[in-house]
Amino acid sequence: MSGTFRAATRLQRSIPSSPLPPAFTSLYRLFLRATAASVLHHRPAARRLRKLWRPTFEGAVRVIRKLESSEALGHEQQRLQRWYAVWEQRIDNTLSLLCTSADSRGLAHSLTKNLQQLYDQHADYQRSRLGTRSSWNPQLPPDSPEYKPLTGAKAIAVAKKREFRDRGWGALGEVIVMAEARQGMSLGRLRRRWK
């Protein structure tokens, strides 16, 4: 069983219901193949890019399900159809970017390479937000200084550094959204690993 087929069936299993339309499934499989080709079939990089764009496709699946059900009526259905048409156009533009990345080693290839590196950096950033306290060491006494929270100047410095990182990632997110809107494409979505 190929990796593309497994990923497509995993997307269908993640949102239960009737089968997805064949056009959407074939678009998703084409997208998976283009993603792998854009990073020269380097498995870790392709996996990162697939994880980056998967929430975008899951959002489209939710819209398809709402359109198929009788939930959306009248004005709401028209709004969802317009959203889906814009989404398809963005994915088409993204596919052309990925195909260009696979063919040449220019700006498009640098962009896909940087996107997968940003995915890794964001994962490290999310882990650092959870805290960097070390785990319990049974050799140390319970009142060891290692277990005490930071106070004073160190705590202030750590808080300032965290705020700087948060603002940096927020600004980067805004730049990515502006680039997506300007070029009419999708550059993926980051999913929070921990809540």
N, C-alpha and C. Protein backbone atom coordinates (compact mmCIF):
# COMPACT_ATOMS: atom_id res chain seq x y z
N MET A 1 0.85 -1.18 0.00
CA MET A 1 0.00 0.00 0.00
C MET A 1 0.89 1.23 0.00
N SER A 2 0.65 2.15 -0.91
CA SER A 2 1.50 3.33 -1.03
C SER A 2 1.20 4.33 0.08
N GLY A 3 2.19 5.19 0.35
CA GLY A 3 2.03 6.22 1.38
C GLY A 3 0.93 7.21 1.03
N THR A 4 0.78 7.49 -0.27
CA THR A 4 -0.25 8.43 -0.71
C THR A 4 -1.64 7.87 -0.41
N PHE A 5 -1.84 6.58 -0.69
CA PHE A 5 -3.14 5.97 -0.44
C PHE A 5 -3.44 5.93 1.05
N ARG A 6 -2.42 5.59 1.86
CA ARG A 6 -2.62 5.55 3.32
C ARG A 6 -3.00 6.92 3.85
N ALA A 7 -2.33 7.97 3.36
CA ALA A 7 -2.63 9.32 3.83
C ALA A 7 -4.04 9.74 3.42
N ALA A 8 -4.45 9.38 2.21
CA ALA A 8 -5.79 9.76 1.76
C ALA A 8 -6.87 9.03 2.55
N THR A 9 -6.66 7.74 2.84
CA THR A 9 -7.65 7.02 3.63
C THR A 9 -7.64 7.50 5.07
N ARG A 10 -6.48 7.93 5.58
CA ARG A 10 -6.42 8.48 6.94
C ARG A 10 -7.23 9.76 7.03
N LEU A 11 -7.19 10.58 5.99
CA LEU A 11 -7.99 11.81 5.97
C LEU A 11 -9.47 11.48 5.98
N GLN A 12 -9.87 10.46 5.23
CA GLN A 12 -11.28 10.08 5.21
C GLN A 12 -11.72 9.53 6.56
N ARG A 13 -10.85 8.75 7.23
CA ARG A 13 -11.21 8.19 8.53
C ARG A 13 -11.28 9.23 9.62
N SER A 14 -10.54 10.33 9.46
CA SER A 14 -10.51 11.34 10.51
C SER A 14 -11.84 12.06 10.64
N ILE A 15 -12.63 12.11 9.59
CA ILE A 15 -13.94 12.74 9.63
C ILE A 15 -14.95 11.72 9.11
N PRO A 16 -15.63 10.99 10.03
CA PRO A 16 -16.49 9.89 9.61
C PRO A 16 -17.74 10.36 8.88
N SER A 17 -18.19 9.57 7.94
CA SER A 17 -19.44 9.79 7.21
C SER A 17 -19.33 9.05 5.89
N SER A 18 -20.16 9.46 4.93
CA SER A 18 -20.13 8.83 3.62
C SER A 18 -18.81 9.15 2.92
N PRO A 19 -18.48 8.39 1.89
CA PRO A 19 -17.22 8.66 1.18
C PRO A 19 -17.17 10.07 0.60
N LEU A 20 -15.98 10.58 0.52
CA LEU A 20 -15.79 11.92 -0.05
C LEU A 20 -15.97 11.86 -1.56
N PRO A 21 -16.30 12.99 -2.18
CA PRO A 21 -16.43 13.00 -3.64
C PRO A 21 -15.12 12.58 -4.31
N PRO A 22 -15.21 11.82 -5.40
CA PRO A 22 -13.98 11.37 -6.07
C PRO A 22 -13.07 12.51 -6.52
N ALA A 23 -13.65 13.63 -6.93
CA ALA A 23 -12.82 14.76 -7.37
C ALA A 23 -11.96 15.28 -6.22
N PHE A 24 -12.54 15.33 -5.02
CA PHE A 24 -11.78 15.81 -3.86
C PHE A 24 -10.69 14.81 -3.48
N THR A 25 -11.03 13.52 -3.49
CA THR A 25 -10.05 12.50 -3.13
C THR A 25 -8.88 12.49 -4.11
N SER A 26 -9.19 12.62 -5.40
CA SER A 26 -8.09 12.63 -6.38
C SER A 26 -7.26 13.91 -6.25
N LEU A 27 -7.90 15.04 -5.91
CA LEU A 27 -7.15 16.27 -5.67
C LEU A 27 -6.20 16.10 -4.49
N TYR A 28 -6.69 15.46 -3.43
CA TYR A 28 -5.85 15.25 -2.25
C TYR A 28 -4.67 14.33 -2.58
N ARG A 29 -4.92 13.27 -3.33
CA ARG A 29 -3.82 12.36 -3.70
C ARG A 29 -2.81 13.06 -4.61
N LEU A 30 -3.31 13.85 -5.54
CA LEU A 30 -2.41 14.63 -6.40
C LEU A 30 -1.57 15.59 -5.56
N PHE A 31 -2.21 16.20 -4.57
CA PHE A 31 -1.51 17.13 -3.69
C PHE A 31 -0.42 16.40 -2.90
N LEU A 32 -0.71 15.19 -2.43
CA LEU A 32 0.29 14.43 -1.69
C LEU A 32 1.48 14.08 -2.57
N ARG A 33 1.21 13.68 -3.81
CA ARG A 33 2.31 13.36 -4.73
C ARG A 33 3.13 14.60 -5.07
N ALA A 34 2.45 15.72 -5.29
CA ALA A 34 3.17 16.97 -5.61
C ALA A 34 4.01 17.43 -4.42
N THR A 35 3.50 17.23 -3.22
CA THR A 35 4.26 17.60 -2.02
C THR A 35 5.54 16.78 -1.93
N ALA A 36 5.42 15.48 -2.16
CA ALA A 36 6.61 14.62 -2.11
C ALA A 36 7.61 15.00 -3.20
N ALA A 37 7.11 15.27 -4.39
CA ALA A 37 8.00 15.63 -5.50
C ALA A 37 8.69 16.97 -5.26
N SER A 38 8.00 17.89 -4.58
CA SER A 38 8.58 19.23 -4.37
C SER A 38 9.81 19.20 -3.47
N VAL A 39 9.92 18.17 -2.63
CA VAL A 39 11.11 18.05 -1.77
C VAL A 39 11.95 16.84 -2.20
N LEU A 40 11.83 16.50 -3.49
CA LEU A 40 12.63 15.43 -4.09
C LEU A 40 12.44 14.09 -3.38
N HIS A 41 11.23 13.81 -2.96
CA HIS A 41 10.85 12.56 -2.30
C HIS A 41 11.66 12.27 -1.04
N HIS A 42 12.07 13.33 -0.38
CA HIS A 42 12.76 13.19 0.91
C HIS A 42 11.67 12.95 1.96
N ARG A 43 11.60 11.74 2.51
CA ARG A 43 10.47 11.35 3.34
C ARG A 43 10.20 12.25 4.54
N PRO A 44 11.20 12.58 5.36
CA PRO A 44 10.89 13.44 6.51
C PRO A 44 10.35 14.81 6.10
N ALA A 45 10.92 15.39 5.05
CA ALA A 45 10.44 16.70 4.60
C ALA A 45 9.03 16.60 4.03
N ALA A 46 8.77 15.54 3.26
CA ALA A 46 7.42 15.36 2.70
C ALA A 46 6.40 15.15 3.81
N ARG A 47 6.78 14.41 4.84
CA ARG A 47 5.87 14.17 5.97
C ARG A 47 5.54 15.48 6.68
N ARG A 48 6.55 16.32 6.87
CA ARG A 48 6.31 17.61 7.52
C ARG A 48 5.37 18.48 6.70
N LEU A 49 5.58 18.52 5.39
CA LEU A 49 4.72 19.33 4.54
C LEU A 49 3.30 18.78 4.50
N ARG A 50 3.16 17.46 4.51
CA ARG A 50 1.81 16.88 4.54
C ARG A 50 1.09 17.26 5.83
N LYS A 51 1.81 17.22 6.94
CA LYS A 51 1.20 17.62 8.21
C LYS A 51 0.86 19.10 8.22
N LEU A 52 1.63 19.88 7.50
CA LEU A 52 1.39 21.32 7.43
C LEU A 52 0.11 21.63 6.66
N TRP A 53 -0.15 20.91 5.58
CA TRP A 53 -1.32 21.21 4.76
C TRP A 53 -2.55 20.38 5.14
N ARG A 54 -2.41 19.37 5.95
CA ARG A 54 -3.55 18.52 6.28
C ARG A 54 -4.70 19.28 6.93
N PRO A 55 -4.47 20.21 7.89
CA PRO A 55 -5.61 20.94 8.46
C PRO A 55 -6.40 21.74 7.42
N THR A 56 -5.73 22.19 6.37
CA THR A 56 -6.42 22.91 5.30
C THR A 56 -7.41 21.98 4.60
N PHE A 57 -6.98 20.76 4.32
CA PHE A 57 -7.87 19.81 3.67
C PHE A 57 -8.98 19.35 4.61
N GLU A 58 -8.68 19.22 5.88
CA GLU A 58 -9.72 18.83 6.84
C GLU A 58 -10.80 19.90 6.93
N GLY A 59 -10.41 21.17 6.84
CA GLY A 59 -11.40 22.25 6.81
C GLY A 59 -12.29 22.15 5.58
N ALA A 60 -11.70 21.80 4.45
CA ALA A 60 -12.48 21.64 3.22
C ALA A 60 -13.44 20.45 3.34
N VAL A 61 -13.00 19.39 4.01
CA VAL A 61 -13.87 18.22 4.21
C VAL A 61 -15.08 18.63 5.06
N ARG A 62 -14.85 19.44 6.09
CA ARG A 62 -15.97 19.90 6.92
C ARG A 62 -16.98 20.69 6.09
N VAL A 63 -16.48 21.53 5.19
CA VAL A 63 -17.37 22.31 4.32
C VAL A 63 -18.13 21.38 3.38
N ILE A 64 -17.46 20.38 2.83
CA ILE A 64 -18.13 19.42 1.94
C ILE A 64 -19.23 18.70 2.69
N ARG A 65 -18.95 18.28 3.92
CA ARG A 65 -19.96 17.58 4.73
C ARG A 65 -21.16 18.48 5.01
N LYS A 66 -20.91 19.75 5.30
CA LYS A 66 -22.03 20.68 5.55
C LYS A 66 -22.85 20.88 4.28
N LEU A 67 -22.17 20.93 3.13
CA LEU A 67 -22.90 21.10 1.87
C LEU A 67 -23.72 19.85 1.54
N GLU A 68 -23.19 18.67 1.87
CA GLU A 68 -23.92 17.43 1.60
C GLU A 68 -25.12 17.27 2.52
N SER A 69 -24.98 17.72 3.75
CA SER A 69 -26.08 17.58 4.70
C SER A 69 -27.12 18.67 4.46
N SER A 70 -28.20 18.57 5.16
CA SER A 70 -29.26 19.58 5.01
C SER A 70 -29.09 20.71 6.01
N GLU A 71 -27.91 20.77 6.67
CA GLU A 71 -27.65 21.84 7.64
C GLU A 71 -27.63 23.20 6.96
N ALA A 72 -26.92 23.29 5.86
CA ALA A 72 -26.75 24.58 5.18
C ALA A 72 -27.91 24.81 4.21
N LEU A 73 -28.64 25.89 4.44
CA LEU A 73 -29.77 26.22 3.58
C LEU A 73 -29.63 27.64 3.06
N GLY A 74 -30.05 27.85 1.83
CA GLY A 74 -30.12 29.19 1.26
C GLY A 74 -28.81 29.94 1.26
N HIS A 75 -28.80 31.05 2.00
CA HIS A 75 -27.65 31.96 2.03
C HIS A 75 -26.39 31.26 2.56
N GLU A 76 -26.56 30.42 3.57
CA GLU A 76 -25.41 29.70 4.15
C GLU A 76 -24.80 28.76 3.12
N GLN A 77 -25.63 28.07 2.35
CA GLN A 77 -25.12 27.15 1.34
C GLN A 77 -24.36 27.91 0.25
N GLN A 78 -24.87 29.06 -0.16
CA GLN A 78 -24.16 29.87 -1.16
C GLN A 78 -22.82 30.35 -0.63
N ARG A 79 -22.79 30.74 0.64
CA ARG A 79 -21.53 31.19 1.25
C ARG A 79 -20.52 30.05 1.28
N LEU A 80 -20.98 28.84 1.65
CA LEU A 80 -20.07 27.69 1.68
C LEU A 80 -19.59 27.32 0.29
N GLN A 81 -20.44 27.41 -0.71
CA GLN A 81 -20.03 27.11 -2.09
C GLN A 81 -19.00 28.11 -2.59
N ARG A 82 -19.18 29.39 -2.25
CA ARG A 82 -18.19 30.40 -2.63
C ARG A 82 -16.86 30.12 -1.93
N TRP A 83 -16.93 29.77 -0.63
CA TRP A 83 -15.70 29.46 0.12
C TRP A 83 -14.97 28.30 -0.54
N TYR A 84 -15.73 27.26 -0.91
CA TYR A 84 -15.10 26.08 -1.50
C TYR A 84 -14.49 26.40 -2.87
N ALA A 85 -15.15 27.24 -3.65
CA ALA A 85 -14.60 27.63 -4.96
C ALA A 85 -13.29 28.40 -4.79
N VAL A 86 -13.25 29.31 -3.82
CA VAL A 86 -12.01 30.06 -3.54
C VAL A 86 -10.94 29.10 -3.04
N TRP A 87 -11.33 28.15 -2.18
CA TRP A 87 -10.37 27.18 -1.65
C TRP A 87 -9.76 26.35 -2.79
N GLU A 88 -10.61 25.89 -3.72
CA GLU A 88 -10.10 25.10 -4.85
C GLU A 88 -9.11 25.91 -5.68
N GLN A 89 -9.40 27.19 -5.90
CA GLN A 89 -8.49 28.04 -6.67
C GLN A 89 -7.16 28.18 -5.93
N ARG A 90 -7.22 28.36 -4.62
CA ARG A 90 -5.98 28.48 -3.83
C ARG A 90 -5.16 27.19 -3.90
N ILE A 91 -5.84 26.05 -3.82
CA ILE A 91 -5.13 24.77 -3.88
C ILE A 91 -4.53 24.57 -5.27
N ASP A 92 -5.23 25.00 -6.32
CA ASP A 92 -4.65 24.92 -7.68
C ASP A 92 -3.38 25.75 -7.77
N ASN A 93 -3.41 26.96 -7.21
CA ASN A 93 -2.21 27.80 -7.22
C ASN A 93 -1.09 27.17 -6.38
N THR A 94 -1.46 26.54 -5.29
CA THR A 94 -0.46 25.88 -4.45
C THR A 94 0.14 24.69 -5.18
N LEU A 95 -0.70 23.95 -5.91
CA LEU A 95 -0.18 22.82 -6.70
C LEU A 95 0.81 23.30 -7.76
N SER A 96 0.52 24.42 -8.39
CA SER A 96 1.48 24.94 -9.39
C SER A 96 2.79 25.34 -8.71
N LEU A 97 2.70 25.90 -7.49
CA LEU A 97 3.92 26.22 -6.74
C LEU A 97 4.72 24.95 -6.44
N LEU A 98 4.03 23.89 -6.01
CA LEU A 98 4.73 22.64 -5.69
C LEU A 98 5.34 22.01 -6.93
N CYS A 99 4.64 22.08 -8.06
CA CYS A 99 5.20 21.52 -9.30
C CYS A 99 6.41 22.32 -9.75
N THR A 100 6.36 23.63 -9.61
CA THR A 100 7.52 24.46 -9.93
C THR A 100 8.68 24.12 -9.01
N SER A 101 8.38 23.87 -7.75
CA SER A 101 9.41 23.50 -6.79
C SER A 101 10.07 22.18 -7.16
N ALA A 102 9.27 21.26 -7.70
CA ALA A 102 9.82 19.96 -8.10
C ALA A 102 10.69 20.08 -9.35
N ASP A 103 10.34 21.01 -10.26
CA ASP A 103 11.06 21.14 -11.52
C ASP A 103 12.33 21.98 -11.43
N SER A 104 12.29 23.04 -10.63
CA SER A 104 13.45 23.93 -10.58
C SER A 104 13.90 24.11 -9.14
N ARG A 105 15.09 24.58 -8.98
CA ARG A 105 15.64 24.80 -7.64
C ARG A 105 15.66 26.29 -7.31
N GLY A 106 14.65 27.01 -7.76
CA GLY A 106 14.59 28.45 -7.56
C GLY A 106 13.86 28.84 -6.29
N LEU A 107 13.12 29.92 -6.39
CA LEU A 107 12.42 30.49 -5.25
C LEU A 107 11.36 29.54 -4.69
N ALA A 108 10.64 28.85 -5.56
CA ALA A 108 9.59 27.92 -5.10
C ALA A 108 10.19 26.79 -4.27
N HIS A 109 11.33 26.28 -4.70
CA HIS A 109 11.98 25.20 -3.95
C HIS A 109 12.47 25.70 -2.60
N SER A 110 13.01 26.91 -2.57
CA SER A 110 13.46 27.49 -1.30
C SER A 110 12.27 27.69 -0.36
N LEU A 111 11.14 28.09 -0.92
CA LEU A 111 9.95 28.30 -0.09
C LEU A 111 9.48 27.00 0.55
N THR A 112 9.40 25.92 -0.22
CA THR A 112 8.96 24.65 0.36
C THR A 112 9.96 24.14 1.38
N LYS A 113 11.24 24.33 1.11
CA LYS A 113 12.26 23.92 2.07
C LYS A 113 12.12 24.71 3.37
N ASN A 114 11.91 26.02 3.25
CA ASN A 114 11.76 26.86 4.44
C ASN A 114 10.47 26.56 5.19
N LEU A 115 9.41 26.20 4.48
CA LEU A 115 8.15 25.86 5.15
C LEU A 115 8.31 24.64 6.04
N GLN A 116 8.99 23.62 5.53
CA GLN A 116 9.15 22.43 6.37
C GLN A 116 10.09 22.69 7.53
N GLN A 117 11.07 23.58 7.36
CA GLN A 117 11.93 23.94 8.48
C GLN A 117 11.17 24.77 9.51
N LEU A 118 10.28 25.64 9.04
CA LEU A 118 9.43 26.40 9.96
C LEU A 118 8.54 25.48 10.78
N TYR A 119 8.07 24.41 10.15
CA TYR A 119 7.24 23.44 10.86
C TYR A 119 8.01 22.85 12.04
N ASP A 120 9.27 22.49 11.80
CA ASP A 120 10.12 21.96 12.89
C ASP A 120 10.36 23.00 13.97
N GLN A 121 10.67 24.22 13.55
CA GLN A 121 10.94 25.28 14.53
C GLN A 121 9.71 25.58 15.37
N HIS A 122 8.53 25.53 14.76
CA HIS A 122 7.31 25.79 15.51
C HIS A 122 7.06 24.67 16.53
N ALA A 123 7.39 23.45 16.18
CA ALA A 123 7.24 22.35 17.14
C ALA A 123 8.16 22.57 18.34
N ASP A 124 9.39 23.00 18.09
CA ASP A 124 10.31 23.30 19.20
C ASP A 124 9.78 24.45 20.04
N TYR A 125 9.22 25.46 19.38
CA TYR A 125 8.66 26.61 20.09
C TYR A 125 7.50 26.17 20.99
N GLN A 126 6.63 25.31 20.47
CA GLN A 126 5.50 24.84 21.28
C GLN A 126 5.98 24.05 22.49
N ARG A 127 7.02 23.23 22.29
CA ARG A 127 7.57 22.47 23.41
C ARG A 127 8.17 23.40 24.46
N SER A 128 8.83 24.46 24.02
CA SER A 128 9.44 25.39 24.96
C SER A 128 8.39 26.16 25.75
N ARG A 129 7.22 26.36 25.16
CA ARG A 129 6.15 27.06 25.87
C ARG A 129 5.59 26.22 27.01
N LEU A 130 5.72 24.91 26.91
CA LEU A 130 5.23 24.05 27.99
C LEU A 130 6.09 24.18 29.23
N GLY A 131 7.29 24.60 29.07
CA GLY A 131 8.19 24.73 30.20
C GLY A 131 9.42 23.86 30.00
N THR A 132 10.49 24.30 30.61
CA THR A 132 11.75 23.57 30.43
C THR A 132 12.22 22.98 31.75
N ARG A 133 11.31 22.79 32.67
CA ARG A 133 11.70 22.22 33.95
C ARG A 133 12.17 20.79 33.74
N SER A 134 13.22 20.43 34.42
CA SER A 134 13.74 19.08 34.28
C SER A 134 12.85 18.10 35.03
N SER A 135 13.00 16.85 34.71
CA SER A 135 12.19 15.83 35.38
C SER A 135 12.75 15.53 36.77
N TRP A 136 11.99 14.82 37.52
CA TRP A 136 12.35 14.50 38.90
C TRP A 136 13.58 13.60 38.91
N ASN A 137 14.51 13.92 39.79
CA ASN A 137 15.73 13.14 39.96
C ASN A 137 15.69 12.51 41.34
N PRO A 138 15.59 11.18 41.44
CA PRO A 138 15.46 10.54 42.76
C PRO A 138 16.72 10.68 43.63
N GLN A 139 17.84 11.06 43.03
CA GLN A 139 19.07 11.21 43.81
C GLN A 139 19.10 12.51 44.61
N LEU A 140 18.27 13.49 44.22
CA LEU A 140 18.26 14.78 44.90
C LEU A 140 17.22 14.80 46.01
N PRO A 141 17.46 15.56 47.06
CA PRO A 141 16.44 15.68 48.12
C PRO A 141 15.24 16.48 47.60
N PRO A 142 14.06 16.31 48.22
CA PRO A 142 12.86 17.00 47.74
C PRO A 142 12.95 18.52 47.78
N ASP A 143 13.78 19.08 48.67
CA ASP A 143 13.88 20.54 48.77
C ASP A 143 15.10 21.10 48.03
N SER A 144 15.56 20.38 47.03
CA SER A 144 16.71 20.80 46.24
C SER A 144 16.40 22.10 45.48
N PRO A 145 17.40 22.98 45.29
CA PRO A 145 17.17 24.24 44.56
C PRO A 145 16.73 24.03 43.11
N GLU A 146 17.02 22.86 42.55
CA GLU A 146 16.61 22.59 41.17
C GLU A 146 15.10 22.57 41.03
N TYR A 147 14.37 22.20 42.08
CA TYR A 147 12.92 22.08 42.01
C TYR A 147 12.19 23.38 42.31
N LYS A 148 12.90 24.40 42.76
CA LYS A 148 12.25 25.66 43.12
C LYS A 148 12.02 26.50 41.87
N PRO A 149 10.89 27.21 41.81
CA PRO A 149 10.63 28.06 40.63
C PRO A 149 11.58 29.24 40.57
N LEU A 150 11.75 29.74 39.36
CA LEU A 150 12.62 30.90 39.16
C LEU A 150 12.00 32.14 39.81
N THR A 151 12.84 32.95 40.41
CA THR A 151 12.37 34.19 41.03
C THR A 151 13.30 35.33 40.65
N GLY A 152 12.80 36.54 40.82
CA GLY A 152 13.64 37.72 40.62
C GLY A 152 13.98 37.98 39.17
N ALA A 153 15.24 38.34 38.96
CA ALA A 153 15.71 38.76 37.63
C ALA A 153 15.63 37.63 36.61
N LYS A 154 15.89 36.39 37.04
CA LYS A 154 15.83 35.26 36.10
C LYS A 154 14.41 35.06 35.59
N ALA A 155 13.44 35.15 36.49
CA ALA A 155 12.04 34.97 36.08
C ALA A 155 11.62 36.07 35.11
N ILE A 156 12.05 37.29 35.36
CA ILE A 156 11.70 38.41 34.48
C ILE A 156 12.36 38.22 33.11
N ALA A 157 13.61 37.78 33.10
CA ALA A 157 14.32 37.56 31.83
C ALA A 157 13.64 36.46 31.01
N VAL A 158 13.23 35.38 31.68
CA VAL A 158 12.56 34.28 30.99
C VAL A 158 11.22 34.75 30.43
N ALA A 159 10.48 35.54 31.21
CA ALA A 159 9.18 36.06 30.75
C ALA A 159 9.35 36.98 29.54
N LYS A 160 10.38 37.83 29.56
CA LYS A 160 10.63 38.73 28.43
C LYS A 160 11.00 37.94 27.17
N LYS A 161 11.81 36.91 27.35
CA LYS A 161 12.22 36.09 26.21
C LYS A 161 11.01 35.37 25.61
N ARG A 162 10.13 34.86 26.48
CA ARG A 162 8.92 34.18 26.00
C ARG A 162 8.01 35.15 25.25
N GLU A 163 7.85 36.36 25.78
CA GLU A 163 7.01 37.36 25.12
C GLU A 163 7.60 37.74 23.76
N PHE A 164 8.92 37.86 23.68
CA PHE A 164 9.58 38.18 22.42
C PHE A 164 9.32 37.08 21.39
N ARG A 165 9.44 35.83 21.82
CA ARG A 165 9.18 34.70 20.90
C ARG A 165 7.72 34.69 20.46
N ASP A 166 6.80 34.91 21.40
CA ASP A 166 5.37 34.92 21.05
C ASP A 166 5.07 35.99 20.01
N ARG A 167 5.62 37.18 20.21
CA ARG A 167 5.40 38.26 19.26
C ARG A 167 6.02 37.95 17.90
N GLY A 168 7.19 37.33 17.92
CA GLY A 168 7.85 36.96 16.66
C GLY A 168 7.03 35.97 15.86
N TRP A 169 6.51 34.93 16.53
CA TRP A 169 5.70 33.95 15.83
C TRP A 169 4.38 34.56 15.36
N GLY A 170 3.83 35.47 16.16
CA GLY A 170 2.60 36.15 15.74
C GLY A 170 2.81 36.99 14.50
N ALA A 171 3.92 37.72 14.46
CA ALA A 171 4.23 38.55 13.29
C ALA A 171 4.49 37.68 12.06
N LEU A 172 5.19 36.57 12.25
CA LEU A 172 5.45 35.67 11.13
C LEU A 172 4.14 35.10 10.59
N GLY A 173 3.23 34.75 11.49
CA GLY A 173 1.92 34.26 11.06
C GLY A 173 1.16 35.28 10.23
N GLU A 174 1.23 36.55 10.64
CA GLU A 174 0.56 37.60 9.87
C GLU A 174 1.19 37.77 8.49
N VAL A 175 2.50 37.68 8.41
CA VAL A 175 3.18 37.80 7.11
C VAL A 175 2.77 36.65 6.20
N ILE A 176 2.66 35.45 6.74
CA ILE A 176 2.26 34.29 5.94
C ILE A 176 0.83 34.47 5.43
N VAL A 177 -0.07 34.94 6.29
CA VAL A 177 -1.45 35.17 5.86
C VAL A 177 -1.51 36.23 4.76
N MET A 178 -0.71 37.30 4.88
CA MET A 178 -0.69 38.32 3.82
C MET A 178 -0.14 37.76 2.52
N ALA A 179 0.89 36.92 2.60
CA ALA A 179 1.45 36.31 1.39
C ALA A 179 0.43 35.39 0.73
N GLU A 180 -0.30 34.63 1.55
CA GLU A 180 -1.34 33.76 1.00
C GLU A 180 -2.41 34.57 0.28
N ALA A 181 -2.83 35.66 0.89
CA ALA A 181 -3.89 36.48 0.29
C ALA A 181 -3.40 37.15 -0.99
N ARG A 182 -2.17 37.61 -0.99
CA ARG A 182 -1.65 38.31 -2.17
C ARG A 182 -1.49 37.36 -3.35
N GLN A 183 -0.99 36.16 -3.09
CA GLN A 183 -0.72 35.22 -4.18
C GLN A 183 -1.88 34.28 -4.45
N GLY A 184 -2.91 34.29 -3.61
CA GLY A 184 -4.06 33.41 -3.82
C GLY A 184 -3.70 31.95 -3.69
N MET A 185 -2.94 31.61 -2.66
CA MET A 185 -2.57 30.21 -2.45
C MET A 185 -2.63 29.89 -0.98
N SER A 186 -2.42 28.63 -0.66
CA SER A 186 -2.41 28.19 0.73
C SER A 186 -1.00 27.74 1.08
N LEU A 187 -0.52 28.20 2.21
CA LEU A 187 0.81 27.78 2.67
C LEU A 187 0.71 26.87 3.89
N GLY A 188 -0.46 26.30 4.11
CA GLY A 188 -0.65 25.35 5.20
C GLY A 188 -1.08 26.01 6.49
N ARG A 189 -1.38 25.18 7.46
CA ARG A 189 -1.78 25.63 8.79
C ARG A 189 -1.04 24.81 9.83
N LEU A 190 -0.65 25.48 10.88
CA LEU A 190 0.00 24.78 11.98
C LEU A 190 -1.05 24.39 13.00
N ARG A 191 -1.00 23.15 13.39
CA ARG A 191 -1.94 22.64 14.38
C ARG A 191 -1.23 22.64 15.72
N ARG A 192 -1.93 23.10 16.74
CA ARG A 192 -1.34 23.05 18.07
C ARG A 192 -1.25 21.62 18.52
N ARG A 193 -0.09 21.23 18.99
CA ARG A 193 0.09 19.86 19.44
C ARG A 193 -0.47 19.65 20.84
N TRP A 194 -0.40 20.71 21.64
CA TRP A 194 -0.88 20.62 23.02
C TRP A 194 -1.79 21.79 23.28
N LYS A 195 -2.80 21.58 24.09
CA LYS A 195 -3.71 22.67 24.43
C LYS A 195 -3.65 22.96 25.90
